[in-house]
Amino acid sequence: MSVNATVPATVQTTPHTLSQNRMRRGLRAVVGSLPVRIAIPHLVASELLVFRVPARPPVTRSGGIGGDGNGRAGAARSTGMEQTMREGYAGTGPGAITPDGCAVELYARLPVGDEPDVIAAAVPAGARILELGCGVGRMTHALLERGFEVTAVDESAEMLERVRGARTICGPIERLDLGETFDVVLLASFLVHAGDVEVRRGMLRTCVRHLAQGGCVLIQREGADYHSNVPRERVDPAGFTVRIVSVEPVGDGVDSVHAEYVFPDAVWTQTFRSRPLTREQFEEALAQEGLRVDRYLTDDGIWVRAVPMP
């Protein structure tokens, strides 16, 4: 069931202050590369600055109202003004939990790894970047510090409250249409591994739709053993432990992944859905939306620079 409705929006600006100095590298090494944020926004946003999406019954890509049809990006259920957890997703721990199971306080604590350096080396200095699925802005702030102009998109207003110095848009990714283009579109956090194929296609189309002539899309993939090397953990030098506890198939090639984040003073968990993609499957998915791999930016093949097909 496709979604074609236009979402009304209200405009809000954010303070222009830079915050969060770069923290320790190495989060990407945790579990065969941990995502910047595990989240798959869904539905539509079509204005500038901050979008406040009104509560509405969710529409899924399969099965109509409610649920997510085995997709990692099914719409959150809502009652009144409150969204509840998506089917197949869960999160526990202190503070606000988003519909995809992400804990805002947790992601505010996690350090950014070397991803900003990878990005900076792959794009022109001072480029205009559209960051899809920005979370609390850990990547956003690091890119701003490097002189990039960032428009940050996320479905969670609580996440976006942590973003400083960037234009922010609160709304879904899949059919986002801002009516403008950018030098770089950033699709990190393993969003390309959405369980629902149509959701993945919608997000890649959003990337293409917002790409300026001569621009590129930077995509973060899962590591080759992300779904097979389980359980695994990493103790960060900052004093917390990240574990991928289990990866269980739920049908149609989609896995349910359970992660734990253990700090001295708090523990968070998250369960989410992900579709493994081989390199060949990934490149085929890009080609379906008119993109091709320009080059793999890291030896592990996790970060990719893609450009439109000629």
C-alpha atoms as a PDB file:
ATOM      1  CA  MET A   1       0.000   0.000   0.000  1.00  0.00           C
ATOM      2  CA  SER A   2       1.704   3.152  -1.127  1.00  0.00           C
ATOM      3  CA  VAL A   3       1.693   6.458   0.744  1.00  0.00           C
ATOM      4  CA  ASN A   4       0.952   9.639  -1.195  1.00  0.00           C
ATOM      5  CA  ALA A   5      -0.426  12.051   1.386  1.00  0.00           C
ATOM      6  CA  THR A   6       1.276  15.385   2.011  1.00  0.00           C
ATOM      7  CA  VAL A   7       2.173  15.945   5.645  1.00  0.00           C
ATOM      8  CA  PRO A   8       1.394  19.404   7.079  1.00  0.00           C
ATOM      9  CA  ALA A   9       4.298  20.913   8.921  1.00  0.00           C
ATOM     10  CA  THR A  10       5.213  23.711  11.249  1.00  0.00           C
ATOM     11  CA  VAL A  11       8.521  25.518  11.014  1.00  0.00           C
ATOM     12  CA  GLN A  12      11.018  25.764  13.835  1.00  0.00           C
ATOM     13  CA  THR A  13      14.618  26.885  13.906  1.00  0.00           C
ATOM     14  CA  THR A  14      17.456  25.539  16.029  1.00  0.00           C
ATOM     15  CA  PRO A  15      20.120  27.538  17.896  1.00  0.00           C
ATOM     16  CA  HIS A  16      23.313  27.996  15.898  1.00  0.00           C
ATOM     17  CA  THR A  17      25.779  26.621  18.380  1.00  0.00           C
ATOM     18  CA  LEU A  18      28.290  23.878  17.869  1.00  0.00           C
ATOM     19  CA  SER A  19      28.518  21.258  20.576  1.00  0.00           C
ATOM     20  CA  GLN A  20      30.024  17.862  21.305  1.00  0.00           C
ATOM     21  CA  ASN A  21      33.741  17.713  20.627  1.00  0.00           C
ATOM     22  CA  ARG A  22      34.953  14.679  18.784  1.00  0.00           C
ATOM     23  CA  MET A  23      35.104  11.679  21.100  1.00  0.00           C
ATOM     24  CA  ARG A  24      37.084   8.497  20.909  1.00  0.00           C
ATOM     25  CA  ARG A  25      37.301   6.609  17.658  1.00  0.00           C
ATOM     26  CA  GLY A  26      36.475   2.965  17.362  1.00  0.00           C
ATOM     27  CA  LEU A  27      32.703   2.517  17.650  1.00  0.00           C
ATOM     28  CA  ARG A  28      32.651   1.148  14.133  1.00  0.00           C
ATOM     29  CA  ALA A  29      34.900  -1.670  15.309  1.00  0.00           C
ATOM     30  CA  VAL A  30      32.322  -2.767  17.911  1.00  0.00           C
ATOM     31  CA  VAL A  31      30.354  -5.610  16.300  1.00  0.00           C
ATOM     32  CA  GLY A  32      31.516  -5.446  12.704  1.00  0.00           C
ATOM     33  CA  SER A  33      30.530  -1.771  12.569  1.00  0.00           C
ATOM     34  CA  LEU A  34      27.781  -0.496  14.791  1.00  0.00           C
ATOM     35  CA  PRO A  35      25.486   1.987  13.066  1.00  0.00           C
ATOM     36  CA  VAL A  36      25.527   5.691  13.851  1.00  0.00           C
ATOM     37  CA  ARG A  37      21.896   5.159  14.696  1.00  0.00           C
ATOM     38  CA  ILE A  38      19.626   2.260  13.905  1.00  0.00           C
ATOM     39  CA  ALA A  39      16.502   3.910  12.575  1.00  0.00           C
ATOM     40  CA  ILE A  40      14.312   3.838   9.487  1.00  0.00           C
ATOM     41  CA  PRO A  41      11.993   6.814   9.167  1.00  0.00           C
ATOM     42  CA  HIS A  42       8.889   6.249   7.021  1.00  0.00           C
ATOM     43  CA  LEU A  43       6.172   8.218   5.145  1.00  0.00           C
ATOM     44  CA  VAL A  44       6.389  11.838   3.898  1.00  0.00           C
ATOM     45  CA  ALA A  45       7.873  15.261   4.622  1.00  0.00           C
ATOM     46  CA  SER A  46       7.773  18.068   2.087  1.00  0.00           C
ATOM     47  CA  GLU A  47       8.751  21.415   3.609  1.00  0.00           C
ATOM     48  CA  LEU A  48      11.897  23.108   4.909  1.00  0.00           C
ATOM     49  CA  LEU A  49      13.318  23.338   8.419  1.00  0.00           C
ATOM     50  CA  VAL A  50      11.586  21.376  11.194  1.00  0.00           C
ATOM     51  CA  PHE A  51       8.547  19.221  10.480  1.00  0.00           C
ATOM     52  CA  ARG A  52       6.171  18.317  13.272  1.00  0.00           C
ATOM     53  CA  VAL A  53       4.248  15.364  11.857  1.00  0.00           C
ATOM     54  CA  PRO A  54       0.723  15.130  13.300  1.00  0.00           C
ATOM     55  CA  ALA A  55      -0.432  11.843  14.746  1.00  0.00           C
ATOM     56  CA  ARG A  56      -2.251   9.660  12.215  1.00  0.00           C
ATOM     57  CA  PRO A  57      -2.988   5.976  11.724  1.00  0.00           C
ATOM     58  CA  PRO A  58       0.137   4.337  10.308  1.00  0.00           C
ATOM     59  CA  VAL A  59       0.156   2.971   6.772  1.00  0.00           C
ATOM     60  CA  THR A  60       2.442   0.065   6.050  1.00  0.00           C
ATOM     61  CA  ARG A  61       3.895  -1.247   2.843  1.00  0.00           C
ATOM     62  CA  SER A  62       2.253  -4.604   3.384  1.00  0.00           C
ATOM     63  CA  GLY A  63      -0.759  -5.466   5.483  1.00  0.00           C
ATOM     64  CA  GLY A  64      -2.427  -2.043   5.588  1.00  0.00           C
ATOM     65  CA  ILE A  65      -2.899  -0.364   8.959  1.00  0.00           C
ATOM     66  CA  GLY A  66      -0.467  -1.266  11.741  1.00  0.00           C
ATOM     67  CA  GLY A  67       2.550  -3.560  11.769  1.00  0.00           C
ATOM     68  CA  ASP A  68       5.518  -3.393   9.440  1.00  0.00           C
ATOM     69  CA  GLY A  69       5.242  -6.465   7.237  1.00  0.00           C
ATOM     70  CA  ASN A  70       8.650  -7.810   8.297  1.00  0.00           C
ATOM     71  CA  GLY A  71      10.184  -4.487   7.254  1.00  0.00           C
ATOM     72  CA  ARG A  72      12.730  -2.647   9.321  1.00  0.00           C
ATOM     73  CA  ALA A  73      10.890   0.562   8.484  1.00  0.00           C
ATOM     74  CA  GLY A  74       7.234  -0.102   9.166  1.00  0.00           C
ATOM     75  CA  ALA A  75       5.246   2.867  10.417  1.00  0.00           C
ATOM     76  CA  ALA A  76       4.821   3.373  14.150  1.00  0.00           C
ATOM     77  CA  ARG A  77       1.386   2.852  15.574  1.00  0.00           C
ATOM     78  CA  SER A  78      -0.173   5.928  17.146  1.00  0.00           C
ATOM     79  CA  THR A  79      -3.038   6.634  19.482  1.00  0.00           C
ATOM     80  CA  GLY A  80      -3.933  10.280  19.915  1.00  0.00           C
ATOM     81  CA  MET A  81      -0.652  12.186  19.926  1.00  0.00           C
ATOM     82  CA  GLU A  82       1.481   9.320  21.245  1.00  0.00           C
ATOM     83  CA  GLN A  83       3.393   6.896  19.049  1.00  0.00           C
ATOM     84  CA  THR A  84       4.013   3.371  20.277  1.00  0.00           C
ATOM     85  CA  MET A  85       6.626   0.823  19.320  1.00  0.00           C
ATOM     86  CA  ARG A  86       6.618  -0.711  15.866  1.00  0.00           C
ATOM     87  CA  GLU A  87       5.972  -4.405  15.519  1.00  0.00           C
ATOM     88  CA  GLY A  88       9.284  -6.229  15.744  1.00  0.00           C
ATOM     89  CA  TYR A  89      11.065  -3.358  17.481  1.00  0.00           C
ATOM     90  CA  ALA A  90      11.734  -2.796  21.165  1.00  0.00           C
ATOM     91  CA  GLY A  91      13.946  -0.758  23.449  1.00  0.00           C
ATOM     92  CA  THR A  92      14.569  -0.588  27.171  1.00  0.00           C
ATOM     93  CA  GLY A  93      16.520   1.686  29.487  1.00  0.00           C
ATOM     94  CA  PRO A  94      16.402   5.204  30.942  1.00  0.00           C
ATOM     95  CA  GLY A  95      14.861   8.080  29.021  1.00  0.00           C
ATOM     96  CA  ALA A  96      12.768   8.386  25.884  1.00  0.00           C
ATOM     97  CA  ILE A  97      12.589   5.415  23.497  1.00  0.00           C
ATOM     98  CA  THR A  98      11.728   6.107  19.851  1.00  0.00           C
ATOM     99  CA  PRO A  99       9.287   3.903  17.866  1.00  0.00           C
ATOM    100  CA  ASP A 100      12.217   1.975  16.356  1.00  0.00           C
ATOM    101  CA  GLY A 101      13.604   1.127  19.805  1.00  0.00           C
ATOM    102  CA  CYS A 102      16.356   3.755  19.964  1.00  0.00           C
ATOM    103  CA  ALA A 103      17.062   5.316  23.369  1.00  0.00           C
ATOM    104  CA  VAL A 104      17.727   9.047  23.081  1.00  0.00           C
ATOM    105  CA  GLU A 105      19.918   9.179  26.193  1.00  0.00           C
ATOM    106  CA  LEU A 106      21.971   6.233  24.976  1.00  0.00           C
ATOM    107  CA  TYR A 107      22.719   7.763  21.591  1.00  0.00           C
ATOM    108  CA  ALA A 108      23.612  11.051  23.264  1.00  0.00           C
ATOM    109  CA  ARG A 109      26.341   9.151  25.140  1.00  0.00           C
ATOM    110  CA  LEU A 110      27.795   7.113  22.291  1.00  0.00           C
ATOM    111  CA  PRO A 111      30.940   8.569  20.690  1.00  0.00           C
ATOM    112  CA  VAL A 112      31.245   9.144  16.975  1.00  0.00           C
ATOM    113  CA  GLY A 113      33.922   7.007  15.347  1.00  0.00           C
ATOM    114  CA  ASP A 114      36.017   7.763  12.275  1.00  0.00           C
ATOM    115  CA  GLU A 115      32.965   8.107  10.011  1.00  0.00           C
ATOM    116  CA  PRO A 116      33.248  11.926   9.706  1.00  0.00           C
ATOM    117  CA  ASP A 117      36.822  11.535   8.452  1.00  0.00           C
ATOM    118  CA  VAL A 118      35.703   8.955   5.894  1.00  0.00           C
ATOM    119  CA  ILE A 119      33.006  11.332   4.678  1.00  0.00           C
ATOM    120  CA  ALA A 120      35.263  14.385   4.609  1.00  0.00           C
ATOM    121  CA  ALA A 121      37.807  12.540   2.471  1.00  0.00           C
ATOM    122  CA  ALA A 122      35.161  11.539  -0.085  1.00  0.00           C
ATOM    123  CA  VAL A 123      33.423  14.871  -0.768  1.00  0.00           C
ATOM    124  CA  PRO A 124      34.394  18.476  -1.596  1.00  0.00           C
ATOM    125  CA  ALA A 125      35.284  20.803   1.268  1.00  0.00           C
ATOM    126  CA  GLY A 126      32.330  22.848   2.482  1.00  0.00           C
ATOM    127  CA  ALA A 127      29.776  20.686   0.647  1.00  0.00           C
ATOM    128  CA  ARG A 128      26.060  20.938   1.390  1.00  0.00           C
ATOM    129  CA  ILE A 129      25.055  17.636   3.011  1.00  0.00           C
ATOM    130  CA  LEU A 130      21.591  16.167   3.497  1.00  0.00           C
ATOM    131  CA  GLU A 131      21.918  13.750   6.415  1.00  0.00           C
ATOM    132  CA  LEU A 132      19.106  11.189   6.510  1.00  0.00           C
ATOM    133  CA  GLY A 133      18.513   9.625   9.937  1.00  0.00           C
ATOM    134  CA  CYS A 134      20.710  11.994  11.960  1.00  0.00           C
ATOM    135  CA  GLY A 135      19.609  10.888  15.444  1.00  0.00           C
ATOM    136  CA  VAL A 136      20.985  13.130  18.184  1.00  0.00           C
ATOM    137  CA  GLY A 137      23.479  14.699  15.770  1.00  0.00           C
ATOM    138  CA  ARG A 138      26.699  12.909  16.642  1.00  0.00           C
ATOM    139  CA  MET A 139      27.686  12.800  12.969  1.00  0.00           C
ATOM    140  CA  THR A 140      26.041  16.161  12.314  1.00  0.00           C
ATOM    141  CA  HIS A 141      28.159  18.024  14.840  1.00  0.00           C
ATOM    142  CA  ALA A 142      31.392  16.434  13.641  1.00  0.00           C
ATOM    143  CA  LEU A 143      30.588  17.430  10.042  1.00  0.00           C
ATOM    144  CA  LEU A 144      29.728  20.983  11.073  1.00  0.00           C
ATOM    145  CA  GLU A 145      33.074  21.222  12.850  1.00  0.00           C
ATOM    146  CA  ARG A 146      34.738  20.267   9.558  1.00  0.00           C
ATOM    147  CA  GLY A 147      33.056  23.146   7.743  1.00  0.00           C
ATOM    148  CA  PHE A 148      30.175  21.354   6.016  1.00  0.00           C
ATOM    149  CA  GLU A 149      26.647  22.767   5.793  1.00  0.00           C
ATOM    150  CA  VAL A 150      24.266  20.104   7.090  1.00  0.00           C
ATOM    151  CA  THR A 151      20.523  19.635   6.858  1.00  0.00           C
ATOM    152  CA  ALA A 152      19.665  16.945   9.402  1.00  0.00           C
ATOM    153  CA  VAL A 153      16.568  14.731   9.072  1.00  0.00           C
ATOM    154  CA  ASP A 154      15.094  12.410  11.686  1.00  0.00           C
ATOM    155  CA  GLU A 155      11.650  11.128  12.642  1.00  0.00           C
ATOM    156  CA  SER A 156      12.177  11.737  16.356  1.00  0.00           C
ATOM    157  CA  ALA A 157      11.624  15.208  17.799  1.00  0.00           C
ATOM    158  CA  GLU A 158      13.390  14.057  20.973  1.00  0.00           C
ATOM    159  CA  MET A 159      16.475  13.138  18.966  1.00  0.00           C
ATOM    160  CA  LEU A 160      16.459  16.421  17.046  1.00  0.00           C
ATOM    161  CA  GLU A 161      16.332  18.434  20.277  1.00  0.00           C
ATOM    162  CA  ARG A 162      19.975  17.372  20.750  1.00  0.00           C
ATOM    163  CA  VAL A 163      21.102  18.699  17.351  1.00  0.00           C
ATOM    164  CA  ARG A 164      22.848  22.079  17.334  1.00  0.00           C
ATOM    165  CA  GLY A 165      24.032  24.305  14.510  1.00  0.00           C
ATOM    166  CA  ALA A 166      22.168  22.599  11.668  1.00  0.00           C
ATOM    167  CA  ARG A 167      18.841  23.033   9.953  1.00  0.00           C
ATOM    168  CA  THR A 168      16.665  20.179  11.199  1.00  0.00           C
ATOM    169  CA  ILE A 169      13.689  18.375   9.698  1.00  0.00           C
ATOM    170  CA  CYS A 170      11.487  16.180  11.878  1.00  0.00           C
ATOM    171  CA  GLY A 171       9.758  13.767   9.582  1.00  0.00           C
ATOM    172  CA  PRO A 172      10.145  10.519   7.677  1.00  0.00           C
ATOM    173  CA  ILE A 173      12.705   9.736   4.981  1.00  0.00           C
ATOM    174  CA  GLU A 174      11.132   7.373   2.520  1.00  0.00           C
ATOM    175  CA  ARG A 175       9.254   9.956   0.412  1.00  0.00           C
ATOM    176  CA  LEU A 176      10.954  13.123   1.624  1.00  0.00           C
ATOM    177  CA  ASP A 177      10.831  15.881  -0.989  1.00  0.00           C
ATOM    178  CA  LEU A 178      12.341  19.224  -0.006  1.00  0.00           C
ATOM    179  CA  GLY A 179      12.308  20.681  -3.513  1.00  0.00           C
ATOM    180  CA  GLU A 180      16.053  21.308  -3.422  1.00  0.00           C
ATOM    181  CA  THR A 181      19.267  19.431  -4.079  1.00  0.00           C
ATOM    182  CA  PHE A 182      22.516  18.850  -2.183  1.00  0.00           C
ATOM    183  CA  ASP A 183      26.125  18.099  -3.040  1.00  0.00           C
ATOM    184  CA  VAL A 184      26.019  15.021  -0.811  1.00  0.00           C
ATOM    185  CA  VAL A 185      23.206  12.836   0.498  1.00  0.00           C
ATOM    186  CA  LEU A 186      24.193  10.738   3.492  1.00  0.00           C
ATOM    187  CA  LEU A 187      22.366   7.453   4.171  1.00  0.00           C
ATOM    188  CA  ALA A 188      24.195   6.003   7.161  1.00  0.00           C
ATOM    189  CA  SER A 189      23.058   3.843  10.097  1.00  0.00           C
ATOM    190  CA  PHE A 190      22.583   0.775   7.862  1.00  0.00           C
ATOM    191  CA  LEU A 191      19.324   2.250   6.564  1.00  0.00           C
ATOM    192  CA  VAL A 192      19.913   0.543   3.233  1.00  0.00           C
ATOM    193  CA  HIS A 193      19.264  -2.763   5.033  1.00  0.00           C
ATOM    194  CA  ALA A 194      15.567  -2.010   5.573  1.00  0.00           C
ATOM    195  CA  GLY A 195      13.643  -5.258   5.811  1.00  0.00           C
ATOM    196  CA  ASP A 196      10.852  -4.013   3.558  1.00  0.00           C
ATOM    197  CA  VAL A 197      12.228  -3.836   0.014  1.00  0.00           C
ATOM    198  CA  GLU A 198       9.805  -1.079  -0.990  1.00  0.00           C
ATOM    199  CA  VAL A 199      10.910   1.032   1.957  1.00  0.00           C
ATOM    200  CA  ARG A 200      14.535   0.604   0.936  1.00  0.00           C
ATOM    201  CA  ARG A 201      13.681   1.595  -2.616  1.00  0.00           C
ATOM    202  CA  GLY A 202      11.844   4.660  -1.345  1.00  0.00           C
ATOM    203  CA  MET A 203      14.851   5.790   0.677  1.00  0.00           C
ATOM    204  CA  LEU A 204      17.219   5.357  -2.255  1.00  0.00           C
ATOM    205  CA  ARG A 205      14.815   7.350  -4.428  1.00  0.00           C
ATOM    206  CA  THR A 206      14.900  10.095  -1.817  1.00  0.00           C
ATOM    207  CA  CYS A 207      18.678  10.117  -2.136  1.00  0.00           C
ATOM    208  CA  VAL A 208      18.492  10.448  -5.921  1.00  0.00           C
ATOM    209  CA  ARG A 209      15.734  13.079  -5.770  1.00  0.00           C
ATOM    210  CA  HIS A 210      17.854  15.379  -3.602  1.00  0.00           C
ATOM    211  CA  LEU A 211      21.162  14.937  -5.398  1.00  0.00           C
ATOM    212  CA  ALA A 212      22.647  17.918  -7.236  1.00  0.00           C
ATOM    213  CA  GLN A 213      24.348  17.453 -10.591  1.00  0.00           C
ATOM    214  CA  GLY A 214      27.815  16.061  -9.959  1.00  0.00           C
ATOM    215  CA  GLY A 215      26.864  15.062  -6.413  1.00  0.00           C
ATOM    216  CA  CYS A 216      27.192  11.744  -4.630  1.00  0.00           C
ATOM    217  CA  VAL A 217      25.395   9.510  -2.143  1.00  0.00           C
ATOM    218  CA  LEU A 218      27.394   8.118   0.780  1.00  0.00           C
ATOM    219  CA  ILE A 219      25.965   4.886   2.170  1.00  0.00           C
ATOM    220  CA  GLN A 220      26.886   2.859   5.247  1.00  0.00           C
ATOM    221  CA  ARG A 221      26.449  -0.914   4.844  1.00  0.00           C
ATOM    222  CA  GLU A 222      26.583  -3.666   7.422  1.00  0.00           C
ATOM    223  CA  GLY A 223      29.824  -5.599   7.781  1.00  0.00           C
ATOM    224  CA  ALA A 224      30.160  -8.920   5.957  1.00  0.00           C
ATOM    225  CA  ASP A 225      29.747 -10.927   9.180  1.00  0.00           C
ATOM    226  CA  TYR A 226      27.216  -8.681  10.881  1.00  0.00           C
ATOM    227  CA  HIS A 227      24.514 -11.378  10.901  1.00  0.00           C
ATOM    228  CA  SER A 228      26.770 -14.413  11.340  1.00  0.00           C
ATOM    229  CA  ASN A 229      29.411 -13.500  13.934  1.00  0.00           C
ATOM    230  CA  VAL A 230      27.063 -13.707  16.907  1.00  0.00           C
ATOM    231  CA  PRO A 231      27.201 -13.243  19.833  1.00  0.00           C
ATOM    232  CA  ARG A 232      29.981 -10.675  19.993  1.00  0.00           C
ATOM    233  CA  GLU A 233      30.912  -7.671  22.089  1.00  0.00           C
ATOM    234  CA  ARG A 234      33.349  -4.809  22.394  1.00  0.00           C
ATOM    235  CA  VAL A 235      34.474  -2.940  25.482  1.00  0.00           C
ATOM    236  CA  ASP A 236      34.955   0.710  24.554  1.00  0.00           C
ATOM    237  CA  PRO A 237      37.866   2.665  26.058  1.00  0.00           C
ATOM    238  CA  ALA A 238      35.268   5.057  27.459  1.00  0.00           C
ATOM    239  CA  GLY A 239      34.112   2.301  29.794  1.00  0.00           C
ATOM    240  CA  PHE A 240      30.971   0.838  28.259  1.00  0.00           C
ATOM    241  CA  THR A 241      30.277  -2.472  26.512  1.00  0.00           C
ATOM    242  CA  VAL A 242      28.290  -3.026  23.321  1.00  0.00           C
ATOM    243  CA  ARG A 243      26.993  -6.494  22.542  1.00  0.00           C
ATOM    244  CA  ILE A 244      25.157  -8.030  19.624  1.00  0.00           C
ATOM    245  CA  VAL A 245      23.416 -10.743  21.610  1.00  0.00           C
ATOM    246  CA  SER A 246      21.411 -12.529  18.934  1.00  0.00           C
ATOM    247  CA  VAL A 247      20.373 -12.473  15.289  1.00  0.00           C
ATOM    248  CA  GLU A 248      17.277 -14.555  14.520  1.00  0.00           C
ATOM    249  CA  PRO A 249      15.487 -15.015  11.169  1.00  0.00           C
ATOM    250  CA  VAL A 250      11.872 -13.825  11.108  1.00  0.00           C
ATOM    251  CA  GLY A 251      11.040 -14.719   7.495  1.00  0.00           C
ATOM    252  CA  ASP A 252      11.426 -13.311   3.990  1.00  0.00           C
ATOM    253  CA  GLY A 253      15.179 -12.949   4.414  1.00  0.00           C
ATOM    254  CA  VAL A 254      14.820 -10.556   7.366  1.00  0.00           C
ATOM    255  CA  ASP A 255      16.547 -10.958  10.746  1.00  0.00           C
ATOM    256  CA  SER A 256      15.657  -9.707  14.208  1.00  0.00           C
ATOM    257  CA  VAL A 257      18.771  -8.285  15.880  1.00  0.00           C
ATOM    258  CA  HIS A 258      19.081  -7.795  19.648  1.00  0.00           C
ATOM    259  CA  ALA A 259      21.753  -5.430  21.018  1.00  0.00           C
ATOM    260  CA  GLU A 260      22.810  -4.427  24.535  1.00  0.00           C
ATOM    261  CA  TYR A 261      24.664  -1.311  25.699  1.00  0.00           C
ATOM    262  CA  VAL A 262      26.055  -1.638  29.211  1.00  0.00           C
ATOM    263  CA  PHE A 263      27.347   1.441  31.054  1.00  0.00           C
ATOM    264  CA  PRO A 264      28.478   1.572  34.691  1.00  0.00           C
ATOM    265  CA  ASP A 265      25.308   3.439  35.646  1.00  0.00           C
ATOM    266  CA  ALA A 266      22.749   2.254  33.086  1.00  0.00           C
ATOM    267  CA  VAL A 267      21.861  -0.492  30.621  1.00  0.00           C
ATOM    268  CA  TRP A 268      19.952  -0.121  27.362  1.00  0.00           C
ATOM    269  CA  THR A 269      18.709  -2.773  24.952  1.00  0.00           C
ATOM    270  CA  GLN A 270      17.377  -2.540  21.424  1.00  0.00           C
ATOM    271  CA  THR A 271      15.705  -5.042  19.114  1.00  0.00           C
ATOM    272  CA  PHE A 272      15.340  -4.173  15.439  1.00  0.00           C
ATOM    273  CA  ARG A 273      14.936  -5.800  12.032  1.00  0.00           C
ATOM    274  CA  SER A 274      17.478  -5.936   9.236  1.00  0.00           C
ATOM    275  CA  ARG A 275      17.819  -7.538   5.799  1.00  0.00           C
ATOM    276  CA  PRO A 276      21.311  -8.857   4.984  1.00  0.00           C
ATOM    277  CA  LEU A 277      22.658  -7.833   1.557  1.00  0.00           C
ATOM    278  CA  THR A 278      25.657  -9.313  -0.186  1.00  0.00           C
ATOM    279  CA  ARG A 279      27.790  -6.896  -2.180  1.00  0.00           C
ATOM    280  CA  GLU A 280      26.093  -8.099  -5.356  1.00  0.00           C
ATOM    281  CA  GLN A 281      22.612  -7.640  -3.867  1.00  0.00           C
ATOM    282  CA  PHE A 282      23.565  -4.191  -2.614  1.00  0.00           C
ATOM    283  CA  GLU A 283      24.836  -3.083  -6.028  1.00  0.00           C
ATOM    284  CA  GLU A 284      21.712  -4.480  -7.681  1.00  0.00           C
ATOM    285  CA  ALA A 285      19.533  -2.517  -5.237  1.00  0.00           C
ATOM    286  CA  LEU A 286      21.381   0.670  -6.170  1.00  0.00           C
ATOM    287  CA  ALA A 287      21.047  -0.031  -9.884  1.00  0.00           C
ATOM    288  CA  GLN A 288      17.264  -0.429  -9.553  1.00  0.00           C
ATOM    289  CA  GLU A 289      17.109   3.220  -8.462  1.00  0.00           C
ATOM    290  CA  GLY A 290      19.594   4.552 -11.017  1.00  0.00           C
ATOM    291  CA  LEU A 291      22.717   4.529  -8.849  1.00  0.00           C
ATOM    292  CA  ARG A 292      26.043   2.774  -9.219  1.00  0.00           C
ATOM    293  CA  VAL A 293      29.003   2.290  -6.923  1.00  0.00           C
ATOM    294  CA  ASP A 294      31.715   4.827  -7.663  1.00  0.00           C
ATOM    295  CA  ARG A 295      34.033   3.258  -5.113  1.00  0.00           C
ATOM    296  CA  TYR A 296      34.142   1.549  -1.749  1.00  0.00           C
ATOM    297  CA  LEU A 297      35.647   4.000   0.718  1.00  0.00           C
ATOM    298  CA  THR A 298      36.814   1.558   3.389  1.00  0.00           C
ATOM    299  CA  ASP A 299      38.640  -1.751   3.145  1.00  0.00           C
ATOM    300  CA  ASP A 300      35.754  -3.553   4.820  1.00  0.00           C
ATOM    301  CA  GLY A 301      33.314  -2.273   2.190  1.00  0.00           C
ATOM    302  CA  ILE A 302      31.053  -0.692   4.794  1.00  0.00           C
ATOM    303  CA  TRP A 303      31.227   2.870   3.469  1.00  0.00           C
ATOM    304  CA  VAL A 304      30.342   3.394  -0.185  1.00  0.00           C
ATOM    305  CA  ARG A 305      30.334   6.368  -2.541  1.00  0.00           C
ATOM    306  CA  ALA A 306      27.537   6.040  -5.120  1.00  0.00           C
ATOM    307  CA  VAL A 307      26.722   8.250  -8.105  1.00  0.00           C
ATOM    308  CA  PRO A 308      23.896   8.353 -10.670  1.00  0.00           C
ATOM    309  CA  MET A 309      24.190   6.063 -13.634  1.00  0.00           C
ATOM    310  CA  PRO A 310      25.101   7.800 -16.888  1.00  0.00           C
END
